[in-house]
N, C-alpha and C. Protein backbone atom coordinates (compact mmCIF):
# COMPACT_ATOMS: atom_id res chain seq x y z
N SER A 1 -22.91 -29.40 49.77
CA SER A 1 -23.66 -28.26 49.30
C SER A 1 -22.88 -26.98 49.58
N LEU A 2 -22.87 -26.10 48.62
CA LEU A 2 -22.18 -24.82 48.79
C LEU A 2 -23.16 -23.68 49.06
N GLU A 3 -24.39 -24.02 49.46
CA GLU A 3 -25.38 -23.01 49.82
C GLU A 3 -25.23 -22.67 51.30
N ILE A 4 -24.75 -21.46 51.57
CA ILE A 4 -24.47 -21.00 52.92
C ILE A 4 -25.71 -21.09 53.80
N GLY A 5 -26.84 -20.62 53.30
CA GLY A 5 -28.07 -20.62 54.08
C GLY A 5 -28.52 -22.01 54.48
N TRP A 6 -28.30 -22.99 53.62
CA TRP A 6 -28.69 -24.35 53.95
C TRP A 6 -27.90 -24.86 55.14
N HIS A 7 -26.61 -24.54 55.19
CA HIS A 7 -25.78 -24.97 56.32
C HIS A 7 -26.17 -24.26 57.60
N LEU A 8 -26.67 -23.05 57.49
CA LEU A 8 -27.07 -22.31 58.69
C LEU A 8 -28.47 -22.68 59.17
N TYR A 9 -29.41 -22.85 58.24
CA TYR A 9 -30.82 -22.97 58.60
C TYR A 9 -31.51 -24.24 58.12
N GLY A 10 -30.87 -25.01 57.27
CA GLY A 10 -31.56 -26.15 56.68
C GLY A 10 -32.71 -25.64 55.83
N GLU A 11 -33.86 -26.25 55.94
CA GLU A 11 -35.03 -25.83 55.16
C GLU A 11 -35.99 -24.99 56.00
N GLN A 12 -35.53 -24.40 57.08
CA GLN A 12 -36.36 -23.57 57.94
C GLN A 12 -36.69 -22.23 57.28
N TYR A 13 -37.71 -21.57 57.81
CA TYR A 13 -38.16 -20.28 57.30
C TYR A 13 -37.02 -19.26 57.24
N GLU A 14 -36.13 -19.29 58.21
CA GLU A 14 -35.04 -18.31 58.28
C GLU A 14 -34.17 -18.34 57.02
N ARG A 15 -34.06 -19.50 56.40
CA ARG A 15 -33.27 -19.56 55.16
C ARG A 15 -33.94 -18.72 54.08
N GLY A 16 -35.25 -18.77 53.99
CA GLY A 16 -35.97 -17.97 53.00
C GLY A 16 -35.72 -16.49 53.19
N ALA A 17 -35.75 -16.04 54.45
CA ALA A 17 -35.47 -14.63 54.74
C ALA A 17 -34.04 -14.27 54.37
N PHE A 18 -33.12 -15.19 54.62
CA PHE A 18 -31.71 -14.99 54.27
C PHE A 18 -31.55 -14.89 52.75
N LEU A 19 -32.25 -15.76 52.02
CA LEU A 19 -32.20 -15.71 50.55
C LEU A 19 -32.73 -14.39 50.03
N VAL A 20 -33.81 -13.89 50.61
CA VAL A 20 -34.38 -12.60 50.19
C VAL A 20 -33.37 -11.48 50.41
N LYS A 21 -32.71 -11.48 51.56
CA LYS A 21 -31.72 -10.43 51.86
C LYS A 21 -30.55 -10.49 50.87
N LEU A 22 -30.07 -11.70 50.58
CA LEU A 22 -28.96 -11.84 49.63
C LEU A 22 -29.39 -11.42 48.22
N ARG A 23 -30.61 -11.81 47.83
CA ARG A 23 -31.11 -11.41 46.51
C ARG A 23 -31.20 -9.88 46.42
N GLN A 24 -31.61 -9.23 47.49
CA GLN A 24 -31.68 -7.77 47.53
C GLN A 24 -30.28 -7.17 47.36
N HIS A 25 -29.30 -7.72 48.06
CA HIS A 25 -27.91 -7.26 47.90
C HIS A 25 -27.47 -7.42 46.45
N MET A 26 -27.78 -8.56 45.86
CA MET A 26 -27.36 -8.82 44.48
C MET A 26 -27.95 -7.79 43.53
N ARG A 27 -29.23 -7.49 43.70
CA ARG A 27 -29.86 -6.49 42.83
C ARG A 27 -29.23 -5.12 43.02
N GLU A 28 -29.05 -4.71 44.28
CA GLU A 28 -28.47 -3.40 44.57
C GLU A 28 -27.06 -3.27 44.02
N LEU A 29 -26.32 -4.37 44.03
CA LEU A 29 -24.92 -4.35 43.60
C LEU A 29 -24.75 -4.68 42.12
N GLY A 30 -25.83 -5.00 41.44
CA GLY A 30 -25.76 -5.32 40.02
C GLY A 30 -25.16 -6.68 39.72
N ILE A 31 -25.31 -7.61 40.65
CA ILE A 31 -24.79 -8.97 40.46
C ILE A 31 -25.87 -9.81 39.80
N SER A 32 -25.55 -10.40 38.68
CA SER A 32 -26.52 -11.20 37.94
C SER A 32 -26.78 -12.53 38.63
N GLU A 33 -28.04 -12.92 38.62
CA GLU A 33 -28.40 -14.24 39.14
C GLU A 33 -28.19 -15.26 38.03
N ASN A 34 -27.95 -16.49 38.44
CA ASN A 34 -27.84 -17.59 37.48
C ASN A 34 -28.65 -18.76 38.02
N HIS A 35 -28.31 -19.96 37.65
CA HIS A 35 -29.07 -21.13 38.09
C HIS A 35 -28.88 -21.46 39.57
N GLU A 36 -27.88 -20.84 40.22
CA GLU A 36 -27.64 -21.08 41.64
C GLU A 36 -28.49 -20.12 42.48
N LEU A 37 -28.87 -20.56 43.66
CA LEU A 37 -29.61 -19.70 44.59
C LEU A 37 -28.69 -18.59 45.11
N PRO A 38 -29.26 -17.51 45.60
CA PRO A 38 -28.45 -16.39 46.09
C PRO A 38 -27.50 -16.75 47.23
N ASP A 39 -27.78 -17.83 47.98
CA ASP A 39 -26.89 -18.18 49.09
C ASP A 39 -25.76 -19.12 48.68
N HIS A 40 -25.63 -19.38 47.37
CA HIS A 40 -24.52 -20.20 46.90
C HIS A 40 -23.22 -19.44 47.15
N LEU A 41 -22.20 -20.15 47.54
CA LEU A 41 -20.93 -19.53 47.91
C LEU A 41 -20.39 -18.60 46.84
N THR A 42 -20.57 -18.92 45.57
CA THR A 42 -20.05 -18.06 44.51
C THR A 42 -20.72 -16.68 44.54
N HIS A 43 -22.03 -16.65 44.78
CA HIS A 43 -22.74 -15.37 44.88
C HIS A 43 -22.34 -14.62 46.15
N VAL A 44 -22.26 -15.35 47.24
CA VAL A 44 -21.96 -14.72 48.53
C VAL A 44 -20.57 -14.09 48.50
N LEU A 45 -19.61 -14.77 47.91
CA LEU A 45 -18.26 -14.20 47.82
C LEU A 45 -18.26 -12.93 46.97
N GLU A 46 -19.03 -12.93 45.89
CA GLU A 46 -19.10 -11.73 45.06
C GLU A 46 -19.76 -10.59 45.83
N ILE A 47 -20.79 -10.89 46.59
CA ILE A 47 -21.44 -9.87 47.42
C ILE A 47 -20.44 -9.29 48.41
N LEU A 48 -19.65 -10.16 49.05
CA LEU A 48 -18.66 -9.69 50.02
C LEU A 48 -17.67 -8.70 49.42
N THR A 49 -17.31 -8.91 48.16
CA THR A 49 -16.32 -8.03 47.53
C THR A 49 -16.90 -6.67 47.18
N GLN A 50 -18.23 -6.55 47.14
CA GLN A 50 -18.83 -5.30 46.67
C GLN A 50 -19.56 -4.50 47.75
N LEU A 51 -19.88 -5.13 48.88
CA LEU A 51 -20.51 -4.38 49.97
C LEU A 51 -19.49 -3.43 50.59
N ASN A 52 -19.97 -2.45 51.35
CA ASN A 52 -19.01 -1.61 52.06
C ASN A 52 -18.31 -2.50 53.10
N PRO A 53 -17.10 -2.14 53.50
CA PRO A 53 -16.30 -3.01 54.37
C PRO A 53 -17.00 -3.42 55.67
N GLN A 54 -17.73 -2.52 56.29
CA GLN A 54 -18.40 -2.86 57.55
C GLN A 54 -19.49 -3.91 57.33
N GLU A 55 -20.33 -3.71 56.31
CA GLU A 55 -21.38 -4.69 56.01
C GLU A 55 -20.79 -6.02 55.58
N SER A 56 -19.73 -5.96 54.81
CA SER A 56 -19.08 -7.17 54.34
C SER A 56 -18.51 -7.97 55.50
N ARG A 57 -17.83 -7.30 56.42
CA ARG A 57 -17.28 -7.99 57.60
C ARG A 57 -18.40 -8.61 58.42
N GLN A 58 -19.50 -7.89 58.58
CA GLN A 58 -20.62 -8.40 59.36
C GLN A 58 -21.22 -9.65 58.71
N LEU A 59 -21.45 -9.60 57.40
CA LEU A 59 -21.98 -10.76 56.68
C LEU A 59 -21.03 -11.95 56.80
N ALA A 60 -19.75 -11.68 56.63
CA ALA A 60 -18.76 -12.76 56.72
C ALA A 60 -18.71 -13.37 58.11
N SER A 61 -18.65 -12.54 59.13
CA SER A 61 -18.47 -13.07 60.49
C SER A 61 -19.74 -13.71 61.04
N GLU A 62 -20.91 -13.17 60.70
CA GLU A 62 -22.15 -13.70 61.26
C GLU A 62 -22.70 -14.89 60.49
N PHE A 63 -22.43 -14.96 59.20
CA PHE A 63 -23.07 -15.99 58.39
C PHE A 63 -22.09 -16.88 57.62
N VAL A 64 -21.18 -16.27 56.87
CA VAL A 64 -20.34 -17.06 55.96
C VAL A 64 -19.36 -17.94 56.73
N ILE A 65 -18.64 -17.37 57.67
CA ILE A 65 -17.65 -18.16 58.41
C ILE A 65 -18.31 -19.29 59.20
N PRO A 66 -19.40 -19.03 59.94
CA PRO A 66 -20.05 -20.16 60.63
C PRO A 66 -20.52 -21.26 59.68
N ALA A 67 -21.04 -20.88 58.52
CA ALA A 67 -21.47 -21.89 57.55
C ALA A 67 -20.28 -22.68 57.01
N LEU A 68 -19.19 -21.97 56.68
CA LEU A 68 -18.00 -22.66 56.18
C LEU A 68 -17.40 -23.58 57.23
N ASN A 69 -17.49 -23.19 58.51
CA ASN A 69 -17.00 -24.07 59.58
C ASN A 69 -17.81 -25.36 59.63
N LYS A 70 -19.12 -25.28 59.38
CA LYS A 70 -19.93 -26.49 59.32
C LYS A 70 -19.52 -27.36 58.13
N VAL A 71 -19.25 -26.72 57.00
CA VAL A 71 -18.80 -27.46 55.82
C VAL A 71 -17.47 -28.14 56.13
N LYS A 72 -16.54 -27.40 56.73
CA LYS A 72 -15.23 -27.96 57.07
C LYS A 72 -15.36 -29.18 57.98
N ASN A 73 -16.27 -29.09 58.94
CA ASN A 73 -16.45 -30.20 59.88
C ASN A 73 -17.10 -31.41 59.24
N SER A 74 -17.72 -31.22 58.08
CA SER A 74 -18.40 -32.34 57.42
C SER A 74 -17.47 -33.18 56.56
N PHE A 75 -16.27 -32.68 56.27
CA PHE A 75 -15.34 -33.45 55.44
C PHE A 75 -14.86 -34.67 56.23
N LYS A 76 -15.06 -35.84 55.64
CA LYS A 76 -14.67 -37.08 56.31
C LYS A 76 -13.24 -37.51 55.96
N ASP A 77 -12.74 -37.04 54.83
CA ASP A 77 -11.40 -37.44 54.41
C ASP A 77 -10.80 -36.36 53.52
N ASP A 78 -9.62 -36.60 53.05
CA ASP A 78 -8.91 -35.64 52.21
C ASP A 78 -9.27 -35.76 50.73
N GLU A 79 -10.19 -36.62 50.39
CA GLU A 79 -10.50 -36.88 48.98
C GLU A 79 -11.43 -35.85 48.34
N ASN A 80 -12.16 -35.10 49.13
CA ASN A 80 -13.12 -34.16 48.57
C ASN A 80 -12.38 -33.05 47.82
N PRO A 81 -12.73 -32.81 46.56
CA PRO A 81 -12.00 -31.81 45.77
C PRO A 81 -12.20 -30.38 46.26
N TYR A 82 -13.25 -30.13 47.03
CA TYR A 82 -13.52 -28.78 47.53
C TYR A 82 -12.85 -28.51 48.88
N ARG A 83 -12.34 -29.52 49.53
CA ARG A 83 -11.82 -29.40 50.89
C ARG A 83 -10.82 -28.25 51.04
N HIS A 84 -9.78 -28.24 50.24
CA HIS A 84 -8.74 -27.24 50.39
C HIS A 84 -9.24 -25.84 50.04
N VAL A 85 -10.12 -25.75 49.07
CA VAL A 85 -10.67 -24.45 48.69
C VAL A 85 -11.51 -23.87 49.83
N ILE A 86 -12.35 -24.71 50.43
CA ILE A 86 -13.19 -24.26 51.54
C ILE A 86 -12.33 -23.84 52.72
N PHE A 87 -11.31 -24.62 53.04
CA PHE A 87 -10.42 -24.27 54.14
C PHE A 87 -9.71 -22.94 53.87
N LEU A 88 -9.28 -22.73 52.64
CA LEU A 88 -8.60 -21.49 52.27
C LEU A 88 -9.55 -20.29 52.37
N ILE A 89 -10.74 -20.41 51.81
CA ILE A 89 -11.70 -19.30 51.86
C ILE A 89 -12.02 -18.97 53.31
N ALA A 90 -12.27 -19.99 54.13
CA ALA A 90 -12.58 -19.74 55.54
C ALA A 90 -11.41 -19.05 56.25
N ALA A 91 -10.19 -19.49 55.99
CA ALA A 91 -9.02 -18.89 56.63
C ALA A 91 -8.85 -17.43 56.22
N VAL A 92 -9.02 -17.14 54.95
CA VAL A 92 -8.89 -15.76 54.46
C VAL A 92 -9.95 -14.87 55.11
N LEU A 93 -11.20 -15.35 55.13
CA LEU A 93 -12.27 -14.54 55.72
C LEU A 93 -12.08 -14.36 57.22
N GLU A 94 -11.64 -15.41 57.91
CA GLU A 94 -11.38 -15.27 59.35
C GLU A 94 -10.28 -14.27 59.61
N HIS A 95 -9.20 -14.32 58.85
CA HIS A 95 -8.11 -13.36 59.00
C HIS A 95 -8.60 -11.95 58.71
N TRP A 96 -9.34 -11.80 57.63
CA TRP A 96 -9.82 -10.48 57.22
C TRP A 96 -10.78 -9.89 58.26
N THR A 97 -11.70 -10.69 58.78
CA THR A 97 -12.67 -10.16 59.75
C THR A 97 -12.02 -9.87 61.08
N ASN A 98 -10.91 -10.53 61.39
CA ASN A 98 -10.22 -10.30 62.65
C ASN A 98 -9.08 -9.30 62.54
N SER A 99 -8.80 -8.81 61.34
CA SER A 99 -7.69 -7.87 61.17
C SER A 99 -8.02 -6.54 61.83
N VAL A 100 -6.98 -5.82 62.17
CA VAL A 100 -7.14 -4.52 62.80
C VAL A 100 -7.78 -3.56 61.81
N LYS A 101 -8.81 -2.84 62.24
CA LYS A 101 -9.50 -1.89 61.37
C LYS A 101 -8.48 -0.91 60.81
N GLY A 102 -8.58 -0.69 59.52
CA GLY A 102 -7.66 0.23 58.86
C GLY A 102 -6.49 -0.48 58.22
N GLU A 103 -6.18 -1.69 58.73
CA GLU A 103 -5.07 -2.46 58.15
C GLU A 103 -5.41 -2.81 56.70
N THR A 104 -6.61 -3.30 56.51
CA THR A 104 -7.11 -3.56 55.17
C THR A 104 -8.62 -3.58 55.26
N ASP A 105 -9.26 -2.66 54.59
CA ASP A 105 -10.72 -2.57 54.67
C ASP A 105 -11.44 -3.29 53.56
N GLU A 106 -10.73 -3.77 52.57
CA GLU A 106 -11.41 -4.39 51.44
C GLU A 106 -10.88 -5.78 51.18
N ILE A 107 -11.76 -6.60 50.64
CA ILE A 107 -11.33 -7.89 50.10
C ILE A 107 -10.96 -7.60 48.66
N ARG A 108 -9.72 -7.83 48.31
CA ARG A 108 -9.28 -7.53 46.95
C ARG A 108 -9.28 -8.81 46.12
N VAL A 109 -9.89 -8.71 44.97
CA VAL A 109 -9.94 -9.84 44.05
C VAL A 109 -9.27 -9.39 42.76
N SER A 110 -8.25 -10.11 42.36
CA SER A 110 -7.54 -9.75 41.13
C SER A 110 -7.74 -10.80 40.08
């Protein structure tokens, strides 16, 4: 599953609150919803690119990276087609959140 909230909270109430917060970010940032829930990795990554750097770092370090670490730990073998992508996204976010302030304040997507 690529739903960040599910990896953090399962089906607990806290996931619902997390979904509401992400949906609010999406509306404020003009990000269109689709068939995926707001906590799907594709939505969360888009939110990260559009929030201000401080909020983005906080979201990444408190929620996205811990969820991706759970996903990484769930891979049983090298056969999963998402394995390398998840490892790459987690590594980039970890580097970005740990970088020296001012070195790079934005996640750049080209």
